[in-house]
Protein backbone atom coordinates (compact mmCIF):
# COMPACT_ATOMS: atom_id res chain seq x y z
CA MET A 1 27.28 15.97 30.53
CA GLY A 2 27.79 12.97 28.30
CA LEU A 3 25.07 12.03 25.89
CA LEU A 4 24.75 8.57 27.37
CA ASP A 5 24.94 9.44 31.07
CA LYS A 6 21.28 8.54 31.69
CA ALA A 7 21.18 5.38 29.63
CA THR A 8 22.35 2.03 31.01
CA HIS A 9 23.69 -0.83 28.93
CA ARG A 10 20.66 -2.94 29.78
CA GLN A 11 18.23 -0.26 28.58
CA TYR A 12 20.12 0.02 25.29
CA TYR A 13 20.51 -3.69 24.48
CA GLN A 14 16.91 -4.46 25.39
CA SER A 15 15.51 -1.58 23.31
CA THR A 16 14.72 -1.22 19.62
CA ASP A 17 17.17 1.67 19.06
CA LEU A 18 20.26 -0.41 18.37
CA GLY A 19 22.87 1.66 16.54
CA ASN A 20 20.85 4.85 16.83
CA TYR A 21 23.70 6.78 18.48
CA GLN A 22 25.23 7.36 15.04
CA PHE A 23 22.28 9.67 14.15
CA THR A 24 21.13 13.08 15.34
CA SER A 25 17.49 13.99 15.14
CA LEU A 26 16.45 16.87 12.94
CA ASP A 27 14.77 18.53 15.93
CA ASP A 28 18.12 18.53 17.81
CA ILE A 29 19.87 19.93 14.74
CA ILE A 30 17.37 22.80 14.57
CA THR A 31 17.88 23.54 18.29
CA GLN A 32 21.66 23.39 18.02
CA PHE A 33 21.61 25.63 14.95
CA GLU A 34 19.65 28.22 16.94
CA ILE A 35 22.25 28.04 19.71
CA ALA A 36 25.28 28.32 17.45
CA TYR A 37 24.08 30.59 14.63
CA VAL A 38 21.18 32.72 15.89
CA GLY A 39 21.38 35.61 18.34
CA GLU A 40 23.06 38.91 19.09
CA ASN A 41 26.55 39.21 17.61
CA LYS A 42 26.06 35.94 15.72
CA LEU A 43 25.68 35.14 12.03
CA ILE A 44 21.87 35.56 12.08
CA SER A 45 20.54 38.04 14.61
CA LYS A 46 16.92 36.99 14.46
CA ILE A 47 14.86 34.29 12.71
CA LYS A 48 11.78 32.17 13.44
CA ARG A 49 12.26 28.54 14.35
CA ALA A 50 9.69 27.64 11.67
CA ASP A 51 11.99 29.19 9.02
CA ILE A 52 14.92 27.15 10.28
CA ALA A 53 12.75 24.02 10.27
CA PHE A 54 11.74 24.60 6.63
CA HIS A 55 15.33 24.98 5.45
CA ALA A 56 16.41 22.02 7.58
CA GLN A 57 13.82 19.79 5.95
CA ARG A 58 14.79 20.96 2.48
CA ALA A 59 18.46 20.29 3.32
CA LEU A 60 17.59 16.78 4.57
CA GLN A 61 15.67 16.09 1.37
CA GLU A 62 18.50 17.19 -0.91
CA LEU A 63 21.17 15.37 1.07
CA SER A 64 19.03 12.21 1.09
CA PHE A 65 19.09 11.94 -2.67
CA ASP A 66 22.83 11.65 -3.24
CA THR A 67 24.77 12.01 0.07
CA LEU A 68 23.01 10.32 2.99
CA LYS A 69 22.32 6.61 3.16
CA SER A 70 18.60 6.97 2.65
CA LEU A 71 18.17 3.70 0.77
CA LYS A 72 15.09 1.64 1.72
CA SER A 73 14.15 -1.83 0.66
CA TYR A 74 10.82 -3.68 0.21
CA GLN A 75 10.31 -7.39 -0.48
CA ILE A 76 7.12 -9.05 -1.75
CA ASP A 77 6.09 -12.33 -3.31
CA LEU A 78 4.96 -11.20 -6.73
CA PRO A 79 1.29 -12.12 -7.26
CA PRO A 80 -0.12 -13.42 -10.57
CA THR A 81 -1.12 -9.84 -11.44
CA LEU A 82 2.59 -9.14 -11.99
CA VAL A 83 2.11 -5.74 -10.35
CA MET A 84 3.78 -4.17 -7.33
CA PRO A 85 2.47 -0.84 -5.93
CA LEU A 86 5.08 1.84 -5.46
CA PRO A 87 5.89 2.43 -1.73
CA HIS A 88 4.11 5.30 -0.01
CA ASP A 89 7.37 7.28 0.39
CA TYR A 90 8.90 6.36 -2.95
CA VAL A 91 11.00 8.95 -4.74
CA ASN A 92 13.14 6.90 -7.13
CA TYR A 93 14.47 3.36 -7.38
CA THR A 94 18.10 2.24 -7.23
CA LYS A 95 17.69 -1.43 -8.06
CA VAL A 96 14.93 -3.95 -8.72
CA SER A 97 15.77 -7.64 -8.33
CA TRP A 98 14.43 -11.03 -7.35
CA ALA A 99 15.97 -13.48 -4.83
CA ASP A 100 16.73 -17.04 -5.84
CA SER A 101 16.69 -20.13 -3.63
CA SER A 102 20.14 -19.24 -2.28
CA GLY A 103 19.09 -15.72 -1.30
CA ILE A 104 21.16 -14.19 -4.10
CA LYS A 105 19.66 -11.10 -5.72
CA ARG A 106 19.14 -11.40 -9.46
CA PRO A 107 18.99 -7.91 -11.01
CA LEU A 108 16.04 -6.98 -13.21
CA TYR A 109 16.45 -4.48 -16.00
CA PRO A 110 13.94 -1.84 -17.15
CA THR A 111 12.34 -2.32 -20.51
CA LYS A 112 11.76 0.82 -22.57
CA HIS A 113 9.78 -0.80 -25.38
CA THR A 114 6.37 -1.19 -23.73
CA SER A 115 4.06 0.67 -21.31
CA ASN A 116 0.59 0.71 -19.83
CA PRO A 117 -1.03 3.67 -21.59
CA PHE A 118 -4.47 5.16 -20.94
CA GLN A 119 -6.68 3.29 -23.40
CA ILE A 120 -9.25 5.67 -24.88
CA LYS A 121 -12.77 4.39 -25.47
CA GLN A 122 -13.62 4.68 -29.18
CA LEU A 123 -16.64 4.26 -31.40
CA ASP A 124 -16.74 1.67 -34.16
CA ASN A 125 -15.56 4.25 -36.69
CA GLY A 126 -12.60 5.19 -34.52
CA ASP A 127 -13.97 8.47 -33.14
CA TYR A 128 -13.45 9.16 -29.46
CA SER A 129 -16.45 8.26 -27.33
CA PHE A 130 -18.10 10.53 -24.74
CA PRO A 131 -20.86 8.21 -23.63
CA ASP A 132 -23.32 8.19 -20.75
CA PHE A 133 -23.87 5.18 -18.50
CA VAL A 134 -20.16 4.35 -18.41
CA GLU A 135 -19.17 1.91 -15.71
CA GLN A 136 -16.90 3.46 -13.04
CA VAL A 137 -16.40 0.42 -10.79
CA ILE A 138 -13.49 -1.85 -11.69
CA ASN A 139 -14.17 -5.58 -11.25
CA GLY A 140 -17.71 -4.94 -9.98
CA ASP A 141 -18.68 -8.52 -10.85
CA PHE A 142 -15.76 -9.86 -8.77
CA ALA A 143 -14.73 -12.14 -11.59
CA ASN A 144 -11.05 -11.26 -11.16
CA SER A 145 -9.61 -12.67 -7.93
CA TRP A 146 -6.57 -14.54 -6.79
CA PRO A 147 -5.91 -17.28 -6.11
CA ALA A 148 -8.29 -18.31 -8.90
CA ASP A 149 -11.65 -19.84 -8.05
CA GLY A 150 -11.47 -23.61 -7.70
CA THR A 151 -8.61 -23.65 -5.21
CA THR A 152 -9.11 -25.61 -2.00
CA ALA A 153 -8.86 -22.51 0.18
CA PRO A 154 -11.74 -20.03 -0.23
CA VAL A 155 -9.56 -17.13 0.93
CA LEU A 156 -9.70 -15.01 -2.20
CA TYR A 157 -8.93 -11.39 -2.89
CA ALA A 158 -10.93 -9.27 -5.32
CA ASP A 159 -8.75 -7.32 -7.70
CA ASP A 160 -9.01 -3.54 -7.24
CA TRP A 161 -11.03 -3.88 -4.03
CA LEU A 162 -9.53 -3.12 -0.60
CA ARG A 163 -10.53 -4.54 2.77
CA SER A 164 -10.83 -2.41 5.88
CA SER A 165 -9.47 -5.09 8.19
CA ASP A 166 -7.66 -8.42 8.20
CA GLY A 167 -10.71 -10.68 8.18
CA PHE A 168 -10.34 -13.75 5.94
CA LEU A 169 -12.94 -16.25 4.92
CA GLY A 170 -12.72 -19.50 6.84
CA ARG A 171 -10.73 -18.00 9.70
CA PHE A 172 -11.63 -17.75 13.40
CA TYR A 173 -13.31 -14.36 13.08
CA SER A 174 -15.48 -12.50 10.63
CA GLY A 175 -14.15 -12.29 7.11
CA VAL A 176 -14.78 -11.18 3.54
CA GLY A 177 -13.60 -12.55 0.22
CA VAL A 178 -14.64 -13.83 -3.19
CA TYR A 179 -16.42 -17.16 -3.51
CA ASN A 180 -17.98 -18.33 -6.78
CA ASP A 181 -17.38 -14.86 -8.27
CA LYS A 182 -19.38 -13.14 -5.52
CA LEU A 183 -18.31 -10.95 -2.63
CA THR A 184 -19.10 -13.08 0.40
CA TRP A 185 -18.90 -12.70 4.18
CA SER A 186 -18.41 -15.04 7.14
CA TYR A 187 -19.39 -14.09 10.66
CA VAL A 188 -18.55 -14.80 14.27
CA SER A 189 -19.61 -12.98 17.38
CA ARG A 190 -17.00 -12.34 20.08
CA GLN A 191 -16.82 -11.88 23.84
CA LEU A 192 -16.12 -8.22 24.63
CA PRO A 193 -13.57 -7.33 27.30
CA ALA A 194 -16.19 -5.56 29.43
CA GLY A 195 -18.92 -8.14 28.91
CA GLY A 196 -21.55 -8.82 26.30
CA ARG A 197 -20.94 -10.01 22.76
CA SER A 198 -20.35 -8.21 19.51
CA ASN A 199 -19.54 -9.01 15.90
CA GLN A 200 -16.94 -7.51 13.59
CA ILE A 201 -17.98 -5.37 10.65
CA ILE A 202 -15.85 -6.38 7.67
CA THR A 203 -15.89 -4.11 4.61
CA SER A 204 -14.68 -4.11 1.06
CA TYR A 205 -14.33 -0.80 -0.76
CA GLN A 206 -12.98 0.97 -3.83
CA ALA A 207 -12.05 4.58 -4.56
CA ILE A 208 -13.93 6.09 -7.48
CA ASP A 209 -12.64 9.10 -9.45
CA VAL A 210 -15.64 11.37 -10.07
CA SER A 211 -13.74 14.55 -10.91
CA ASN A 212 -15.16 14.45 -14.47
CA LEU A 213 -18.70 13.37 -13.53
CA ASN A 214 -21.85 15.21 -12.43
CA TYR A 215 -24.35 12.58 -11.31
CA VAL A 216 -23.97 8.83 -10.75
CA ASP A 217 -26.24 5.84 -10.18
CA LEU A 218 -25.30 3.02 -7.77
CA SER A 219 -26.67 -0.56 -7.98
CA GLY A 220 -25.90 -4.07 -6.80
CA ASP A 221 -27.31 -7.60 -6.49
CA GLY A 222 -27.61 -8.69 -2.88
CA VAL A 223 -28.55 -11.97 -1.20
CA THR A 224 -29.19 -12.18 2.54
CA GLY A 225 -31.01 -14.57 4.85
CA ASP A 226 -31.38 -15.64 8.45
CA ILE A 227 -28.25 -17.48 9.58
CA ALA A 228 -28.70 -20.69 11.48
CA TRP A 229 -26.24 -21.34 14.30
CA THR A 230 -25.40 -23.98 16.86
CA ASP A 231 -23.05 -23.46 19.79
CA THR A 232 -20.97 -25.89 21.81
CA SER A 233 -23.71 -26.40 24.39
CA GLY A 234 -26.09 -27.66 21.73
CA ASP A 235 -28.30 -24.56 21.66
CA SER A 236 -29.35 -23.36 18.24
CA GLY A 237 -31.25 -20.53 16.64
CA THR A 238 -31.17 -17.94 13.86
CA ALA A 239 -29.66 -14.49 13.52
CA THR A 240 -30.62 -11.68 11.13
CA SER A 241 -27.88 -10.52 8.81
CA THR A 242 -27.52 -7.31 6.81
CA ILE A 243 -25.62 -6.22 3.73
CA ARG A 244 -25.18 -2.49 3.18
CA LEU A 245 -23.87 -0.95 -0.06
CA GLY A 246 -23.36 2.78 -0.32
CA LEU A 247 -21.25 5.81 -1.16
CA THR A 248 -19.20 7.88 1.24
CA THR A 249 -16.73 10.76 1.06
CA THR A 250 -14.75 9.33 4.05
CA ASN A 251 -11.80 7.11 3.22
CA PRO A 252 -12.61 3.75 4.89
CA SER A 253 -8.90 3.19 5.55
CA SER A 254 -9.13 5.85 8.26
CA ILE A 255 -11.47 3.61 10.34
CA THR A 256 -9.70 1.38 12.84
CA ASN A 257 -12.66 0.32 15.02
CA PHE A 258 -14.60 -2.55 13.36
CA TRP A 259 -16.73 -3.87 16.25
CA ALA A 260 -20.50 -3.29 16.27
CA ARG A 261 -22.26 -3.51 19.58
CA SER A 262 -24.84 -6.16 20.36
CA ASP A 263 -28.54 -5.30 20.35
CA PHE A 264 -28.69 -6.76 23.88
CA SER A 265 -28.63 -4.30 26.75
CA GLY A 266 -28.35 -5.09 30.40
CA GLU A 267 -25.86 -6.06 33.08
CA ASN A 268 -23.25 -8.73 33.50
CA GLN A 269 -23.77 -11.51 36.04
CA ASP A 270 -21.66 -9.53 38.52
CA GLY A 271 -23.95 -6.49 38.08
CA SER A 272 -21.54 -4.44 35.95
CA ILE A 273 -22.84 -2.62 32.88
CA PHE A 274 -22.13 -3.78 29.37
CA TYR A 275 -19.70 -1.58 27.42
CA HIS A 276 -19.82 -2.16 23.68
CA TYR A 277 -17.42 -0.97 21.00
CA GLN A 278 -19.46 0.96 18.45
CA SER A 279 -17.78 1.23 15.06
CA PRO A 280 -18.53 4.27 12.86
CA LEU A 281 -19.23 1.70 10.15
CA ALA A 282 -22.31 0.54 12.07
CA ALA A 283 -23.93 3.98 11.71
CA THR A 284 -25.88 4.67 8.54
CA SER A 285 -24.66 8.29 8.74
CA PHE A 286 -21.26 7.01 7.55
CA TYR A 287 -22.79 6.77 4.11
CA ASP A 288 -23.16 10.51 3.69
CA MET A 289 -24.04 10.13 0.00
CA GLY A 290 -26.69 7.41 0.40
CA TYR A 291 -26.93 3.60 0.51
CA VAL A 292 -29.06 0.58 -0.25
CA GLU A 293 -29.51 -2.35 2.16
CA TRP A 294 -30.56 -5.99 2.22
CA THR A 295 -31.78 -7.44 5.54
CA GLY A 296 -33.30 -10.77 6.49
CA ALA A 297 -34.36 -12.94 3.53
CA GLU A 298 -33.76 -10.86 0.41
CA ASP A 299 -32.50 -11.65 -3.09
CA SER A 300 -32.84 -8.60 -5.35
CA THR A 301 -31.23 -5.82 -7.29
CA LYS A 302 -31.32 -2.39 -5.60
CA THR A 303 -30.44 1.01 -7.06
CA LEU A 304 -29.53 4.43 -5.64
CA GLY A 305 -29.99 6.99 -8.44
CA GLY A 306 -29.02 10.57 -9.16
CA VAL A 307 -26.19 11.02 -6.62
CA ASP A 308 -24.73 14.50 -7.02
CA VAL A 309 -20.94 14.41 -7.30
CA ARG A 310 -20.35 17.74 -9.04
CA SER A 311 -18.32 19.20 -6.14
CA LEU A 312 -16.26 16.06 -5.48
CA ASP A 313 -13.12 14.49 -6.96
CA THR A 314 -13.09 11.10 -5.17
CA ILE A 315 -15.79 9.02 -3.50
CA TYR A 316 -15.75 5.51 -2.06
CA VAL A 317 -18.13 2.69 -2.78
CA LEU A 318 -18.30 0.60 0.39
CA ALA A 319 -19.88 -2.82 0.95
CA LEU A 320 -20.22 -4.28 4.45
CA SER A 321 -22.16 -6.97 6.24
CA PHE A 322 -22.90 -7.77 9.88
CA VAL A 323 -25.09 -9.95 12.06
CA ASN A 324 -27.37 -8.70 14.83
CA THR A 325 -26.09 -10.54 17.88
CA SER A 326 -27.30 -10.84 21.43
CA LEU A 327 -26.04 -12.33 24.69
CA ASP A 328 -27.88 -15.57 23.86
CA LEU A 329 -26.15 -15.82 20.50
CA ILE A 330 -22.88 -17.27 21.71
CA ASN A 331 -21.40 -17.76 18.22
CA ALA A 332 -23.08 -17.25 14.87
CA LEU A 333 -21.04 -18.43 11.88
CA ALA A 334 -21.69 -18.50 8.18
CA LEU A 335 -18.68 -20.41 7.01
CA ILE A 336 -17.41 -20.93 3.48
CA PRO A 337 -18.21 -23.57 2.29
CA ALA A 338 -21.49 -23.86 4.17
CA GLY A 339 -21.64 -26.42 6.95
CA THR A 340 -17.87 -26.42 7.56
CA SER A 341 -16.63 -26.60 11.12
CA THR A 342 -14.04 -24.26 12.56
CA GLU A 343 -12.47 -23.65 15.93
CA ASP A 344 -13.20 -20.47 17.79
CA PRO A 345 -10.67 -19.56 20.53
CA ASN A 346 -13.46 -18.68 22.94
CA ALA A 347 -15.99 -21.44 22.41
CA GLY A 348 -14.39 -24.48 20.78
CA THR A 349 -15.75 -26.07 17.58
CA ILE A 350 -18.81 -24.36 16.19
CA THR A 351 -20.86 -25.48 13.15
CA GLY A 352 -22.27 -22.73 11.00
CA GLY A 353 -25.59 -22.66 9.19
CA GLY A 354 -26.09 -23.28 5.50
CA HIS A 355 -26.77 -19.71 4.33
CA ILE A 356 -24.21 -17.52 2.58
CA ASN A 357 -24.67 -13.78 2.20
CA SER A 358 -23.27 -12.33 -0.98
CA LEU A 359 -23.07 -9.24 -3.18
CA ASP A 360 -22.52 -9.15 -6.92
CA ASN A 361 -22.57 -6.79 -9.95
CA VAL A 362 -21.74 -3.65 -8.03
CA SER A 363 -22.09 -0.78 -10.50
CA ILE A 364 -21.63 2.98 -10.59
CA ILE A 365 -22.52 4.69 -13.88
CA ASN A 366 -22.55 8.34 -14.90
CA ALA A 367 -26.09 9.48 -15.50
CA TYR A 368 -25.18 12.02 -18.19
CA ALA A 369 -22.74 12.09 -21.12
CA SER A 370 -19.17 12.71 -20.07
CA GLU A 371 -17.34 15.87 -21.11
CA PHE A 372 -13.99 14.11 -20.83
CA LEU A 373 -12.24 11.16 -22.48
CA ALA A 374 -13.17 7.79 -21.02
CA THR A 375 -11.22 4.56 -20.99
CA LYS A 376 -12.44 1.32 -22.46
CA VAL A 377 -14.36 -0.87 -19.99
CA GLY A 378 -12.09 -3.60 -18.73
CA ASN A 379 -8.95 -1.55 -19.46
CA GLU A 380 -9.25 1.01 -16.66
CA LYS A 381 -5.89 -0.06 -15.17
CA ASN A 382 -4.68 -2.72 -17.56
CA SER A 383 -4.41 -1.59 -21.16
CA SER A 384 -4.37 -4.14 -23.98
CA THR A 385 -0.68 -3.33 -24.38
CA TRP A 386 0.06 -4.38 -20.81
CA ASN A 387 -2.23 -7.45 -21.02
CA THR A 388 -0.35 -8.61 -24.09
CA TYR A 389 3.04 -7.99 -22.52
CA LYS A 390 2.33 -9.91 -19.34
CA SER A 391 0.76 -12.86 -21.17
CA THR A 392 3.74 -13.30 -23.53
CA THR A 393 6.76 -15.42 -22.75
CA PRO A 394 9.50 -12.76 -22.58
CA SER A 395 12.67 -12.93 -24.65
CA GLU A 396 14.60 -13.35 -21.39
CA ASN A 397 13.27 -16.92 -21.22
CA ASN A 398 15.11 -17.79 -24.44
CA ASN A 399 18.17 -19.49 -22.97
CA ASP A 400 19.51 -20.99 -26.18
CA ASP A 401 23.23 -21.71 -25.81
CA TYR A 402 23.52 -21.41 -29.62
CA GLU A 403 25.63 -24.60 -29.79
CA ASP A 404 23.85 -26.00 -32.81
CA ASN A 405 24.36 -26.29 -36.56
CA THR A 406 22.93 -22.81 -37.14
CA TYR A 407 24.83 -20.71 -34.63
CA TRP A 408 27.96 -22.80 -33.91
CA PRO A 409 29.66 -22.23 -37.30
CA MET A 410 29.24 -18.43 -36.88
CA ASP A 411 32.32 -18.27 -34.61
CA GLY A 412 30.79 -15.78 -32.26
CA GLU A 413 29.72 -13.27 -34.95
CA ARG A 414 26.66 -12.13 -32.98
CA TYR A 415 27.20 -8.42 -33.44
CA GLY A 416 24.98 -5.67 -32.05
CA LEU A 417 23.60 -7.62 -29.05
CA ASP A 418 21.93 -5.25 -26.55
CA PRO A 419 23.37 -6.08 -23.09
CA GLN A 420 20.16 -5.13 -21.25
CA HIS A 421 18.38 -7.98 -23.05
CA ALA A 422 21.27 -10.43 -22.85
CA GLN A 423 20.06 -11.87 -19.53
CA ALA A 424 17.44 -14.32 -18.33
CA ASN A 425 16.43 -12.62 -15.07
CA GLY A 426 13.45 -10.71 -16.42
CA SER A 427 12.41 -7.10 -16.94
CA PHE A 428 10.12 -4.42 -15.50
CA TYR A 429 8.78 -0.96 -16.13
CA ILE A 430 7.23 1.67 -13.89
CA ASP A 431 3.81 3.14 -14.62
CA PRO A 432 3.88 6.65 -13.03
CA ARG A 433 0.21 7.26 -13.93
CA LEU A 434 -1.05 4.52 -11.64
CA GLY A 435 1.99 4.28 -9.34
CA ARG A 436 2.76 0.63 -10.09
CA ILE A 437 5.71 -1.51 -11.18
CA HIS A 438 4.93 -4.05 -13.91
CA PHE A 439 7.00 -7.21 -14.32
CA SER A 440 7.53 -9.72 -17.10
CA SER A 441 5.69 -13.03 -16.79
CA ASN A 442 8.77 -15.07 -15.83
CA ILE A 443 8.89 -13.20 -12.45
CA SER A 444 5.47 -14.44 -11.30
CA GLY A 445 5.63 -16.02 -7.85
CA LYS A 446 9.22 -14.98 -7.22
CA THR A 447 10.44 -12.91 -4.27
CA VAL A 448 10.87 -9.41 -5.65
CA ILE A 449 13.06 -6.83 -3.90
CA LEU A 450 12.76 -3.10 -4.54
CA ASP A 451 15.60 -0.86 -3.35
CA TYR A 452 14.52 2.73 -3.48
CA ILE A 453 15.28 6.24 -2.34
CA SER A 454 13.05 8.33 -0.07
CA ASP A 455 13.49 11.88 1.12
CA SER A 456 13.82 11.04 4.85
CA LEU A 457 10.69 13.07 5.70
CA GLY A 458 8.13 10.27 5.73
CA THR A 459 7.94 9.90 9.51
CA ASP A 460 9.38 11.64 12.55
CA ALA A 461 11.64 8.67 13.17
CA GLU A 462 13.20 9.09 9.72
CA MET A 463 14.02 12.75 10.23
CA GLN A 464 17.54 12.23 11.46
CA VAL A 465 21.01 12.85 10.14
CA HIS A 466 24.11 10.73 10.39
CA LYS A 467 26.73 12.44 12.50
CA PHE A 468 29.18 12.27 9.60
CA ALA A 469 26.88 14.69 7.76
CA GLU A 470 25.81 16.89 10.69
CA GLU A 471 28.13 19.75 9.78
CA ALA A 472 26.94 19.59 6.18
CA ILE A 473 23.34 20.20 7.13
CA TYR A 474 24.33 23.15 9.36
CA LYS A 475 26.05 24.73 6.33
CA TRP A 476 23.04 23.95 4.13
CA ILE A 477 20.69 25.72 6.54
CA ALA A 478 22.98 28.70 7.00
CA TYR A 479 23.46 29.17 3.25
CA ALA A 480 19.74 28.80 2.54
CA ILE A 481 18.85 31.45 5.11
CA LEU A 482 21.56 33.88 4.00
CA SER A 483 20.83 33.51 0.28
CA THR A 484 17.10 34.19 0.77
CA SER A 485 17.62 37.19 3.04
CA SER A 486 17.40 40.77 1.73
CA LEU A 487 19.92 42.15 4.23
CA PRO A 488 23.11 43.41 2.52
CA ILE A 489 25.39 41.74 5.07
CA HIS A 490 23.71 38.38 4.45
CA GLN A 491 24.09 38.74 0.69
CA GLN A 492 27.82 39.38 1.22
CA LEU A 493 28.16 36.26 3.37
CA ALA A 494 26.13 34.00 1.05
CA PRO A 495 28.95 33.21 -1.44
CA ARG A 496 31.26 32.19 1.41
CA PHE A 497 28.70 29.80 2.87
CA LYS A 498 27.92 28.45 -0.56
CA LYS A 499 31.53 27.29 -0.75
CA GLU A 500 31.42 25.92 2.79
CA LYS A 501 28.20 24.07 2.03
CA PHE A 502 29.77 22.46 -1.01
CA ALA A 503 32.93 21.51 0.92
CA SER A 504 31.07 20.06 3.89
CA THR A 505 28.73 18.08 1.59
CA ARG A 506 31.73 16.63 -0.24
CA GLN A 507 33.37 15.76 3.07
CA ALA A 508 30.16 14.07 4.29
CA LYS A 509 29.99 12.03 1.12
CA LEU A 510 33.57 10.82 1.60
CA ARG A 511 32.91 9.91 5.22
CA LEU A 512 29.71 8.06 4.41
CA SER A 513 31.34 6.12 1.59
CA ASN A 514 32.71 3.96 4.42
CA ILE A 515 36.04 3.14 2.77
CA LYS A 516 38.20 0.97 4.98
CA LEU A 517 41.94 0.79 4.27
CA GLU A 518 42.22 -2.95 4.93
CA GLU A 519 39.23 -3.76 2.68
CA LEU A 520 40.59 -1.55 -0.08
CA THR A 521 44.02 -3.17 0.25
CA GLN A 522 42.48 -6.64 -0.07
CA ILE A 523 40.68 -5.63 -3.23
CA LEU A 524 43.86 -4.20 -4.73
CA ARG A 525 45.66 -7.42 -3.94
CA GLY A 526 43.18 -9.22 -6.15
CA LYS A 527 43.85 -6.79 -8.93
CA SER A 528 47.53 -7.73 -9.00
CA LYS A 529 47.02 -11.46 -9.47
CA GLN A 530 48.71 -13.04 -12.46
CA ILE A 531 46.22 -14.50 -14.86
CA LYS A 532 48.75 -15.74 -17.46
CA HIS A 533 51.88 -17.80 -17.12
C-alpha cells in the first residue's frame, strides 16, 4: 500500500504539513528497525523497544549536530537592555546577525575581550562580604522598566519580572505594568460563557534562588482602595480590590487559568446555573509559603518574616491583584492614567474611577549571614563590566574612511588589522551563566536574527529524520546496540557496523548537501570570467 493512499490532494494542500513527506518520524524508524533487525534469525534476537528508543534518540542528537538540517532561527527586535535570552532548545549558534531595511542579514561577530562576570560583594577593605539582610529581589522598586517612564503609552515592562498572562495596562482587559516606578494594575470584569461575570487575575512574579539561604523575610509597600465605576447605562458604584504578595514553590508559568469567579451566586435569567472559572491563583493556598495582603482602603508596609527555605533551591515571589465583582458590577475599570476612557468589546465605552492600586519596594532578605559569596546589589545580572560595555560607543561605529592628511599619506600601511573588528555591523558575546546574548550598543532597536542548532528532541514534532538520512540512523542504532552488548557474536559484528555507520553518515551528508549540477555549473562559469584585458 502506498504511503499516500489515504490522503487526498485537498487534505494535503489545506493542512499545515506541507513538505512533510520528506521526513520519517522517529517512532516509525523505531518500529521499522524492530521489523528489519530484531527477531529470530536476525541481527538482534531480542531487545526492549525502550532500548531501541534510547539509541535512536542519541543517534538523532548526534546526527543533528553536523549531518541533518537541524538549523533553527529566531528573530526579535532588540530591546534597550541589549540582551536576548537563549532559546529554550538552544545547543549552539551558527550565526548571529541583524536585518537592514532591505531585509539583508548583516553578520555580527563575537567579541572575546569582555564578559558579564559574577560581581562579588566586597567590604571597604576589599575582603569578601558574607552579610545578612542581603536583598534577593532584583528591581524590587520597579525603577528599571522599558519603555522608560514618561512615554505616552503606560504599557511598561518591569525588568527581571515576568507576567503570567498577556494583560497590558490601558487595554480592553485586566492588565499589569509599571507606572511612576510602581507595579500597577488595571481591571475589567467580563461576561462568562455560561453566565455571570468574572475578572481576570493578572500576576507579576520573579524566581528567587534560595539554595544558599536558610530563612528569608518578605516585605512590600501596598496601596489599595475602593474602585469607583460607571457603566454604559449610567449606573455607578464601588468595588473592593485586593493586592496579594507572597511566596510559592509552584512556578506561576504553569498556571493557564486566570479567571476568578464572581462573589455572586444564583441563576441566569433563563434559570440556568452560573458556572465560574476558578483560577488556582484566586486561592490563598497557592501561596504555600505565606503571603501578605492589602484589601479595601490600605496604604502600608507589610512584612512576612522567618520563612524557612532550608530545603528549597528556588522559590517564586508573586504579586497579584483582583476586584471582587458581582452580577450588578457590569464593568469595573481602574485605567492608567485615572479617568481615561476605553472601549470594552462587551459593553462599549466605560469610564473608570480615579483610584490606582500599586505595589512598590518588594523585598526578600536573608535573615542570617550567608555562608556563600554574594553579588553586589544592583549587579545581580548586570556586572559593572557589562554596564560599561553596553554604554560605550563601540569601535564598530568608527567609520573613518582614513582619507585625511593623517592616514592618506600612509599608502595603505595599516598593518596588523584584526578582520573581526574591521566591520561596522556590531558585536556580541554569550553569557552561559545566565543564558543570555549581550549585544553592543549600536544594535539597539535593530531586528536581530539568531540561527542556532538544536538536538531535534525538543518536541515530538521535531523527532523526525529526513529520508536521505534514514539508512544512516538505522546503522547508528544497530552499531550502538551491538557495541554495548556483552554477547560475543555482537562484539564480532560491531566493527563491521561501525564502518557501515560511518559510510551511511557520509552518504547522508552528501545527499543533504543538496548540490545541484546546474547550480554548480553556473557558479563555475562565473569562476572562468576574464577580469583583465
